[in-house]
Amino acid sequence: MYIRIKQHKNHKYAYLVKTKRYKRKKYPKQIVVKYLGKVLTPKKPKPLAFKNYINKEINLYFKETKLRNIFLDLIKLEQKRHNLKLDLNNLQLVYELNEGFLCDYTLQQLLNLKIPLKASDKEKSLLLANTILSTGIKLPPYLFIKIFQKIHNP
């Protein structure tokens, strides 16, 4: 499943869509699973480093903090960068951030991320990267490596 944006007049709307292939037809068909909400695109982000946001030494922070709380801190950092005031428990709108969309669906995908134990490192890293990018979080490589290490060696 993926997010599709449709434009109607001067507004954008987000839908959760899946693709279904029919045997007799030569082309796939998109099926709307859920309406996600109106899409808002915030202003250009302010530069703000993660280490300045958390006010801790990075290694100590990753050692002491649970993965879910790390993801929440990354989302709060994006909120601060884009000057947004969001209630993460009730996201009615879809925010187009960086290369992804922050909405209730992508937030739940990130916070409830389950990485298969039998997956290869490459599969694990792809799943993690796609999930993080789909929420609109922009990560420097060193943070991605730290998160991957935390998942790989809990």
N, C-alpha and C. Protein backbone atom coordinates (compact mmCIF):
# COMPACT_ATOMS: atom_id res chain seq x y z
N MET A 1 0.84 -1.18 0.00
CA MET A 1 0.00 0.00 0.00
C MET A 1 0.89 1.24 0.00
N TYR A 2 0.35 2.29 -0.54
CA TYR A 2 1.09 3.53 -0.62
C TYR A 2 0.12 4.71 -0.58
N ILE A 3 0.69 5.91 -0.46
CA ILE A 3 -0.12 7.12 -0.39
C ILE A 3 -0.17 7.76 -1.77
N ARG A 4 -1.37 8.08 -2.20
CA ARG A 4 -1.56 8.75 -3.48
C ARG A 4 -2.17 10.12 -3.21
N ILE A 5 -1.66 11.11 -3.91
CA ILE A 5 -2.16 12.48 -3.77
C ILE A 5 -3.00 12.81 -4.99
N LYS A 6 -4.20 13.31 -4.72
CA LYS A 6 -5.06 13.78 -5.80
C LYS A 6 -5.28 15.27 -5.59
N GLN A 7 -5.30 16.00 -6.69
CA GLN A 7 -5.52 17.43 -6.62
C GLN A 7 -6.91 17.75 -7.16
N HIS A 8 -7.67 18.52 -6.38
CA HIS A 8 -8.99 18.95 -6.80
C HIS A 8 -9.06 20.45 -6.58
N LYS A 9 -9.27 21.16 -7.66
CA LYS A 9 -9.21 22.63 -7.65
C LYS A 9 -7.84 23.04 -7.14
N ASN A 10 -7.75 23.79 -6.05
CA ASN A 10 -6.45 24.24 -5.55
C ASN A 10 -5.99 23.48 -4.31
N HIS A 11 -6.60 22.34 -4.03
CA HIS A 11 -6.27 21.60 -2.82
C HIS A 11 -5.79 20.20 -3.16
N LYS A 12 -4.91 19.68 -2.28
CA LYS A 12 -4.42 18.31 -2.43
C LYS A 12 -5.06 17.45 -1.34
N TYR A 13 -5.37 16.20 -1.71
CA TYR A 13 -5.96 15.25 -0.78
C TYR A 13 -5.19 13.94 -0.86
N ALA A 14 -4.99 13.29 0.29
CA ALA A 14 -4.21 12.06 0.36
C ALA A 14 -5.12 10.85 0.58
N TYR A 15 -4.78 9.78 -0.13
CA TYR A 15 -5.52 8.53 -0.02
C TYR A 15 -4.54 7.38 0.15
N LEU A 16 -4.91 6.41 0.96
CA LEU A 16 -4.15 5.19 1.07
C LEU A 16 -4.68 4.25 -0.01
N VAL A 17 -3.78 3.78 -0.88
CA VAL A 17 -4.19 3.05 -2.08
C VAL A 17 -3.42 1.73 -2.16
N LYS A 18 -4.09 0.71 -2.69
CA LYS A 18 -3.40 -0.53 -3.01
C LYS A 18 -3.65 -0.84 -4.49
N THR A 19 -2.76 -1.60 -5.07
CA THR A 19 -2.87 -1.95 -6.48
C THR A 19 -3.36 -3.39 -6.59
N LYS A 20 -4.35 -3.57 -7.47
CA LYS A 20 -4.88 -4.92 -7.71
C LYS A 20 -4.77 -5.22 -9.19
N ARG A 21 -4.27 -6.41 -9.49
CA ARG A 21 -4.15 -6.86 -10.88
C ARG A 21 -5.30 -7.80 -11.18
N TYR A 22 -5.94 -7.57 -12.29
CA TYR A 22 -7.00 -8.46 -12.75
C TYR A 22 -6.43 -9.35 -13.84
N LYS A 23 -6.83 -10.61 -13.85
CA LYS A 23 -6.28 -11.57 -14.82
C LYS A 23 -6.64 -11.21 -16.25
N ARG A 24 -7.86 -10.78 -16.47
CA ARG A 24 -8.31 -10.52 -17.84
C ARG A 24 -7.88 -9.15 -18.38
N LYS A 25 -7.70 -8.20 -17.47
CA LYS A 25 -7.30 -6.86 -17.93
C LYS A 25 -5.78 -6.80 -18.05
N LYS A 26 -5.33 -5.93 -18.90
CA LYS A 26 -3.89 -5.84 -19.14
C LYS A 26 -3.20 -4.83 -18.23
N TYR A 27 -3.96 -4.14 -17.41
CA TYR A 27 -3.37 -3.10 -16.59
C TYR A 27 -3.84 -3.24 -15.13
N PRO A 28 -3.04 -2.75 -14.18
CA PRO A 28 -3.46 -2.82 -12.78
C PRO A 28 -4.47 -1.72 -12.45
N LYS A 29 -5.22 -1.91 -11.38
CA LYS A 29 -6.21 -0.94 -10.96
C LYS A 29 -5.91 -0.52 -9.53
N GLN A 30 -5.98 0.79 -9.28
CA GLN A 30 -5.78 1.31 -7.93
C GLN A 30 -7.10 1.27 -7.17
N ILE A 31 -7.03 0.77 -5.95
CA ILE A 31 -8.21 0.71 -5.10
C ILE A 31 -7.94 1.55 -3.86
N VAL A 32 -8.82 2.52 -3.60
CA VAL A 32 -8.67 3.37 -2.44
C VAL A 32 -9.08 2.58 -1.20
N VAL A 33 -8.16 2.49 -0.25
CA VAL A 33 -8.42 1.77 0.99
C VAL A 33 -8.97 2.71 2.05
N LYS A 34 -8.41 3.93 2.08
CA LYS A 34 -8.79 4.88 3.12
C LYS A 34 -8.47 6.30 2.68
N TYR A 35 -9.35 7.22 3.04
CA TYR A 35 -9.08 8.64 2.86
C TYR A 35 -8.26 9.11 4.05
N LEU A 36 -7.11 9.74 3.80
CA LEU A 36 -6.23 10.16 4.89
C LEU A 36 -6.43 11.60 5.31
N GLY A 37 -6.82 12.47 4.39
CA GLY A 37 -7.06 13.86 4.75
C GLY A 37 -6.51 14.84 3.75
N LYS A 38 -6.75 16.10 4.05
CA LYS A 38 -6.25 17.19 3.22
C LYS A 38 -4.75 17.34 3.46
N VAL A 39 -4.02 17.61 2.39
CA VAL A 39 -2.56 17.72 2.46
C VAL A 39 -2.16 19.18 2.64
N LEU A 40 -1.35 19.43 3.65
CA LEU A 40 -0.77 20.75 3.87
C LEU A 40 0.74 20.66 3.68
N THR A 41 1.29 21.64 3.00
CA THR A 41 2.74 21.69 2.80
C THR A 41 3.29 22.86 3.60
N PRO A 42 4.00 22.59 4.70
CA PRO A 42 4.55 23.69 5.51
C PRO A 42 5.70 24.39 4.80
N LYS A 43 6.08 25.51 5.38
CA LYS A 43 7.18 26.30 4.82
C LYS A 43 8.49 25.52 4.89
N LYS A 44 9.48 26.05 4.22
CA LYS A 44 10.81 25.43 4.20
C LYS A 44 11.33 25.28 5.64
N PRO A 45 11.93 24.12 5.95
CA PRO A 45 12.37 23.88 7.33
C PRO A 45 13.57 24.70 7.76
N LYS A 46 13.59 24.98 9.06
CA LYS A 46 14.74 25.64 9.67
C LYS A 46 15.80 24.59 9.97
N PRO A 47 17.07 24.93 9.84
CA PRO A 47 18.11 23.95 10.20
C PRO A 47 18.16 23.77 11.72
N LEU A 48 18.09 22.55 12.16
CA LEU A 48 18.18 22.22 13.58
C LEU A 48 18.71 20.80 13.69
N ALA A 49 19.86 20.65 14.33
CA ALA A 49 20.50 19.34 14.44
C ALA A 49 19.87 18.53 15.56
N PHE A 50 19.82 17.22 15.38
CA PHE A 50 19.23 16.32 16.36
C PHE A 50 19.96 16.39 17.69
N LYS A 51 21.30 16.42 17.64
CA LYS A 51 22.07 16.45 18.89
C LYS A 51 21.81 17.74 19.68
N ASN A 52 21.52 18.84 18.98
CA ASN A 52 21.18 20.09 19.67
C ASN A 52 19.77 20.02 20.25
N TYR A 53 18.90 19.27 19.59
CA TYR A 53 17.51 19.14 20.04
C TYR A 53 17.41 18.30 21.32
N ILE A 54 18.16 17.21 21.39
CA ILE A 54 18.04 16.32 22.54
C ILE A 54 18.88 16.76 23.73
N ASN A 55 19.87 17.61 23.52
CA ASN A 55 20.74 18.12 24.59
C ASN A 55 21.41 17.01 25.39
N LYS A 56 21.83 15.95 24.71
CA LYS A 56 22.53 14.83 25.34
C LYS A 56 23.60 14.35 24.37
N GLU A 57 24.52 13.60 24.91
CA GLU A 57 25.50 12.95 24.06
C GLU A 57 24.79 11.83 23.31
N ILE A 58 25.03 11.71 22.00
CA ILE A 58 24.28 10.80 21.14
C ILE A 58 24.35 9.34 21.61
N ASN A 59 25.54 8.85 21.92
CA ASN A 59 25.67 7.44 22.33
C ASN A 59 24.90 7.16 23.62
N LEU A 60 24.96 8.07 24.57
CA LEU A 60 24.21 7.93 25.82
C LEU A 60 22.70 7.95 25.56
N TYR A 61 22.27 8.86 24.71
CA TYR A 61 20.84 8.96 24.36
C TYR A 61 20.33 7.66 23.77
N PHE A 62 21.04 7.09 22.80
CA PHE A 62 20.61 5.85 22.16
C PHE A 62 20.67 4.66 23.11
N LYS A 63 21.58 4.70 24.07
CA LYS A 63 21.67 3.62 25.04
C LYS A 63 20.49 3.65 26.01
N GLU A 64 20.07 4.85 26.42
CA GLU A 64 19.03 5.01 27.45
C GLU A 64 17.60 5.04 26.91
N THR A 65 17.43 5.37 25.64
CA THR A 65 16.09 5.65 25.11
C THR A 65 15.54 4.48 24.31
N LYS A 66 14.25 4.21 24.50
CA LYS A 66 13.57 3.16 23.73
C LYS A 66 13.37 3.63 22.30
N LEU A 67 13.28 2.67 21.40
CA LEU A 67 13.15 2.97 19.97
C LEU A 67 11.92 3.82 19.67
N ARG A 68 10.80 3.50 20.28
CA ARG A 68 9.56 4.27 20.07
C ARG A 68 9.76 5.75 20.44
N ASN A 69 10.45 5.99 21.56
CA ASN A 69 10.70 7.37 22.00
C ASN A 69 11.69 8.10 21.09
N ILE A 70 12.62 7.35 20.51
CA ILE A 70 13.54 7.95 19.53
C ILE A 70 12.74 8.42 18.32
N PHE A 71 11.83 7.57 17.83
CA PHE A 71 10.99 7.96 16.69
C PHE A 71 10.13 9.18 17.04
N LEU A 72 9.57 9.20 18.24
CA LEU A 72 8.75 10.35 18.65
C LEU A 72 9.59 11.63 18.72
N ASP A 73 10.83 11.51 19.21
CA ASP A 73 11.72 12.68 19.26
C ASP A 73 12.05 13.17 17.85
N LEU A 74 12.25 12.24 16.91
CA LEU A 74 12.54 12.63 15.53
C LEU A 74 11.34 13.36 14.91
N ILE A 75 10.14 12.90 15.22
CA ILE A 75 8.94 13.57 14.70
C ILE A 75 8.78 14.94 15.34
N LYS A 76 9.05 15.03 16.63
CA LYS A 76 8.96 16.34 17.32
C LYS A 76 10.00 17.31 16.76
N LEU A 77 11.17 16.78 16.40
CA LEU A 77 12.21 17.61 15.78
C LEU A 77 11.71 18.15 14.44
N GLU A 78 11.09 17.30 13.63
CA GLU A 78 10.53 17.76 12.34
C GLU A 78 9.44 18.81 12.56
N GLN A 79 8.64 18.63 13.60
CA GLN A 79 7.62 19.62 13.93
C GLN A 79 8.28 20.97 14.22
N LYS A 80 9.34 20.92 15.00
CA LYS A 80 10.03 22.15 15.37
C LYS A 80 10.70 22.78 14.15
N ARG A 81 11.31 21.95 13.29
CA ARG A 81 11.96 22.47 12.09
C ARG A 81 10.96 23.17 11.17
N HIS A 82 9.75 22.60 11.04
CA HIS A 82 8.74 23.15 10.14
C HIS A 82 7.77 24.09 10.85
N ASN A 83 8.03 24.35 12.14
CA ASN A 83 7.20 25.26 12.92
C ASN A 83 5.72 24.81 12.93
N LEU A 84 5.52 23.53 13.25
CA LEU A 84 4.17 22.95 13.31
C LEU A 84 3.80 22.67 14.76
N LYS A 85 2.51 22.81 15.04
CA LYS A 85 1.99 22.44 16.35
C LYS A 85 0.97 21.34 16.11
N LEU A 86 1.40 20.09 16.35
CA LEU A 86 0.55 18.94 16.05
C LEU A 86 0.20 18.18 17.31
N ASP A 87 -0.99 17.61 17.31
CA ASP A 87 -1.39 16.65 18.33
C ASP A 87 -1.17 15.28 17.72
N LEU A 88 -0.11 14.59 18.12
CA LEU A 88 0.23 13.31 17.51
C LEU A 88 -0.79 12.22 17.80
N ASN A 89 -1.66 12.44 18.77
CA ASN A 89 -2.70 11.45 19.06
C ASN A 89 -3.91 11.61 18.15
N ASN A 90 -4.00 12.74 17.45
CA ASN A 90 -5.17 13.00 16.61
C ASN A 90 -4.75 13.81 15.38
N LEU A 91 -4.13 13.13 14.42
CA LEU A 91 -3.71 13.80 13.19
C LEU A 91 -4.84 13.73 12.17
N GLN A 92 -5.54 14.83 11.95
CA GLN A 92 -6.66 14.86 11.00
C GLN A 92 -6.20 15.25 9.60
N LEU A 93 -5.05 15.91 9.53
CA LEU A 93 -4.53 16.37 8.25
C LEU A 93 -3.29 15.57 7.87
N VAL A 94 -2.86 15.74 6.64
CA VAL A 94 -1.64 15.10 6.15
C VAL A 94 -0.64 16.21 5.88
N TYR A 95 0.55 16.10 6.45
CA TYR A 95 1.59 17.12 6.27
C TYR A 95 2.66 16.57 5.33
N GLU A 96 2.88 17.30 4.26
CA GLU A 96 3.91 16.92 3.29
C GLU A 96 5.25 17.46 3.78
N LEU A 97 6.06 16.57 4.33
CA LEU A 97 7.35 16.96 4.88
C LEU A 97 8.47 16.28 4.10
N ASN A 98 9.44 17.04 3.69
CA ASN A 98 10.61 16.52 2.99
C ASN A 98 10.18 15.60 1.85
N GLU A 99 10.42 14.29 1.97
CA GLU A 99 10.09 13.36 0.89
C GLU A 99 8.93 12.43 1.26
N GLY A 100 8.20 12.75 2.31
CA GLY A 100 7.13 11.86 2.76
C GLY A 100 5.94 12.63 3.27
N PHE A 101 5.05 11.90 3.94
CA PHE A 101 3.81 12.48 4.45
C PHE A 101 3.62 12.06 5.90
N LEU A 102 3.47 13.03 6.77
CA LEU A 102 3.19 12.75 8.17
C LEU A 102 1.69 12.78 8.37
N CYS A 103 1.14 11.61 8.66
CA CYS A 103 -0.29 11.49 8.93
C CYS A 103 -0.46 10.36 9.93
N ASP A 104 -1.69 10.14 10.35
CA ASP A 104 -1.94 9.11 11.34
C ASP A 104 -1.46 7.73 10.85
N TYR A 105 -1.67 7.43 9.59
CA TYR A 105 -1.27 6.12 9.03
C TYR A 105 0.25 5.94 9.07
N THR A 106 1.01 6.91 8.55
CA THR A 106 2.48 6.75 8.52
C THR A 106 3.07 6.79 9.92
N LEU A 107 2.46 7.58 10.82
CA LEU A 107 2.93 7.63 12.20
C LEU A 107 2.76 6.27 12.87
N GLN A 108 1.61 5.64 12.69
CA GLN A 108 1.38 4.32 13.27
C GLN A 108 2.30 3.27 12.65
N GLN A 109 2.56 3.38 11.35
CA GLN A 109 3.49 2.45 10.69
C GLN A 109 4.88 2.55 11.33
N LEU A 110 5.30 3.76 11.63
CA LEU A 110 6.62 3.96 12.22
C LEU A 110 6.67 3.48 13.67
N LEU A 111 5.68 3.89 14.46
CA LEU A 111 5.71 3.56 15.89
C LEU A 111 5.48 2.07 16.15
N ASN A 112 4.80 1.40 15.26
CA ASN A 112 4.52 -0.04 15.43
C ASN A 112 5.39 -0.90 14.49
N LEU A 113 6.53 -0.38 14.11
CA LEU A 113 7.41 -1.06 13.17
C LEU A 113 7.88 -2.40 13.74
N LYS A 114 7.64 -3.45 12.96
CA LYS A 114 8.08 -4.79 13.32
C LYS A 114 9.04 -5.27 12.23
N ILE A 115 10.27 -5.52 12.61
CA ILE A 115 11.27 -5.98 11.66
C ILE A 115 11.38 -7.51 11.80
N PRO A 116 11.17 -8.25 10.72
CA PRO A 116 11.26 -9.72 10.81
C PRO A 116 12.64 -10.18 11.25
N LEU A 117 12.67 -11.12 12.18
CA LEU A 117 13.94 -11.62 12.71
C LEU A 117 14.77 -12.34 11.65
N LYS A 118 14.10 -13.04 10.76
CA LYS A 118 14.81 -13.84 9.76
C LYS A 118 15.21 -13.04 8.52
N ALA A 119 14.87 -11.76 8.48
CA ALA A 119 15.22 -10.93 7.32
C ALA A 119 16.72 -10.66 7.31
N SER A 120 17.24 -10.47 6.11
CA SER A 120 18.67 -10.12 5.99
C SER A 120 18.87 -8.67 6.43
N ASP A 121 20.12 -8.31 6.67
CA ASP A 121 20.43 -6.93 7.07
C ASP A 121 19.95 -5.94 6.01
N LYS A 122 20.11 -6.31 4.75
CA LYS A 122 19.68 -5.43 3.66
C LYS A 122 18.17 -5.23 3.69
N GLU A 123 17.41 -6.30 3.89
CA GLU A 123 15.95 -6.19 3.96
C GLU A 123 15.53 -5.37 5.17
N LYS A 124 16.19 -5.57 6.31
CA LYS A 124 15.88 -4.81 7.52
C LYS A 124 16.13 -3.32 7.30
N SER A 125 17.28 -3.00 6.70
CA SER A 125 17.63 -1.59 6.50
C SER A 125 16.68 -0.93 5.49
N LEU A 126 16.27 -1.67 4.46
CA LEU A 126 15.32 -1.11 3.48
C LEU A 126 13.96 -0.84 4.11
N LEU A 127 13.49 -1.77 4.91
CA LEU A 127 12.20 -1.59 5.59
C LEU A 127 12.26 -0.39 6.53
N LEU A 128 13.33 -0.29 7.29
CA LEU A 128 13.50 0.83 8.22
C LEU A 128 13.58 2.16 7.46
N ALA A 129 14.40 2.21 6.42
CA ALA A 129 14.56 3.45 5.65
C ALA A 129 13.25 3.88 4.99
N ASN A 130 12.54 2.94 4.39
CA ASN A 130 11.27 3.29 3.73
C ASN A 130 10.23 3.78 4.73
N THR A 131 10.18 3.15 5.89
CA THR A 131 9.21 3.56 6.90
C THR A 131 9.53 4.96 7.43
N ILE A 132 10.80 5.23 7.68
CA ILE A 132 11.19 6.55 8.18
C ILE A 132 10.94 7.62 7.11
N LEU A 133 11.34 7.36 5.87
CA LEU A 133 11.15 8.34 4.80
C LEU A 133 9.68 8.60 4.52
N SER A 134 8.84 7.58 4.65
CA SER A 134 7.42 7.78 4.35
C SER A 134 6.75 8.73 5.33
N THR A 135 7.31 8.87 6.53
CA THR A 135 6.75 9.82 7.50
C THR A 135 7.26 11.25 7.29
N GLY A 136 8.23 11.42 6.42
CA GLY A 136 8.75 12.75 6.15
C GLY A 136 9.91 13.14 7.04
N ILE A 137 10.45 12.20 7.78
CA ILE A 137 11.60 12.48 8.64
C ILE A 137 12.86 12.46 7.80
N LYS A 138 13.64 13.52 7.93
CA LYS A 138 14.92 13.60 7.21
C LYS A 138 16.03 13.25 8.20
N LEU A 139 16.73 12.16 7.90
CA LEU A 139 17.76 11.65 8.81
C LEU A 139 19.15 11.78 8.21
N PRO A 140 20.09 12.30 8.97
CA PRO A 140 21.48 12.20 8.51
C PRO A 140 21.93 10.75 8.62
N PRO A 141 22.89 10.33 7.81
CA PRO A 141 23.32 8.92 7.80
C PRO A 141 23.74 8.38 9.17
N TYR A 142 24.42 9.19 9.98
CA TYR A 142 24.89 8.68 11.27
C TYR A 142 23.71 8.31 12.18
N LEU A 143 22.59 9.04 12.09
CA LEU A 143 21.42 8.70 12.91
C LEU A 143 20.75 7.42 12.42
N PHE A 144 20.69 7.26 11.11
CA PHE A 144 20.12 6.03 10.57
C PHE A 144 20.92 4.83 11.05
N ILE A 145 22.23 4.94 11.03
CA ILE A 145 23.10 3.85 11.47
C ILE A 145 22.86 3.55 12.95
N LYS A 146 22.73 4.59 13.77
CA LYS A 146 22.48 4.40 15.20
C LYS A 146 21.14 3.69 15.43
N ILE A 147 20.11 4.09 14.69
CA ILE A 147 18.79 3.45 14.84
C ILE A 147 18.86 2.01 14.38
N PHE A 148 19.53 1.76 13.27
CA PHE A 148 19.66 0.39 12.77
C PHE A 148 20.42 -0.48 13.76
N GLN A 149 21.47 0.05 14.36
CA GLN A 149 22.23 -0.69 15.35
C GLN A 149 21.36 -1.01 16.57
N LYS A 150 20.51 -0.07 16.96
CA LYS A 150 19.62 -0.30 18.10
C LYS A 150 18.62 -1.40 17.81
N ILE A 151 18.11 -1.45 16.58
CA ILE A 151 17.18 -2.49 16.18
C ILE A 151 17.90 -3.84 16.07
N HIS A 152 19.07 -3.80 15.46
CA HIS A 152 19.82 -5.03 15.20
C HIS A 152 20.39 -5.63 16.48
N ASN A 153 20.84 -4.78 17.40
CA ASN A 153 21.42 -5.24 18.68
C ASN A 153 20.70 -4.57 19.84
N PRO A 154 19.50 -5.02 20.18
CA PRO A 154 18.73 -4.33 21.24
C PRO A 154 19.32 -4.39 22.59
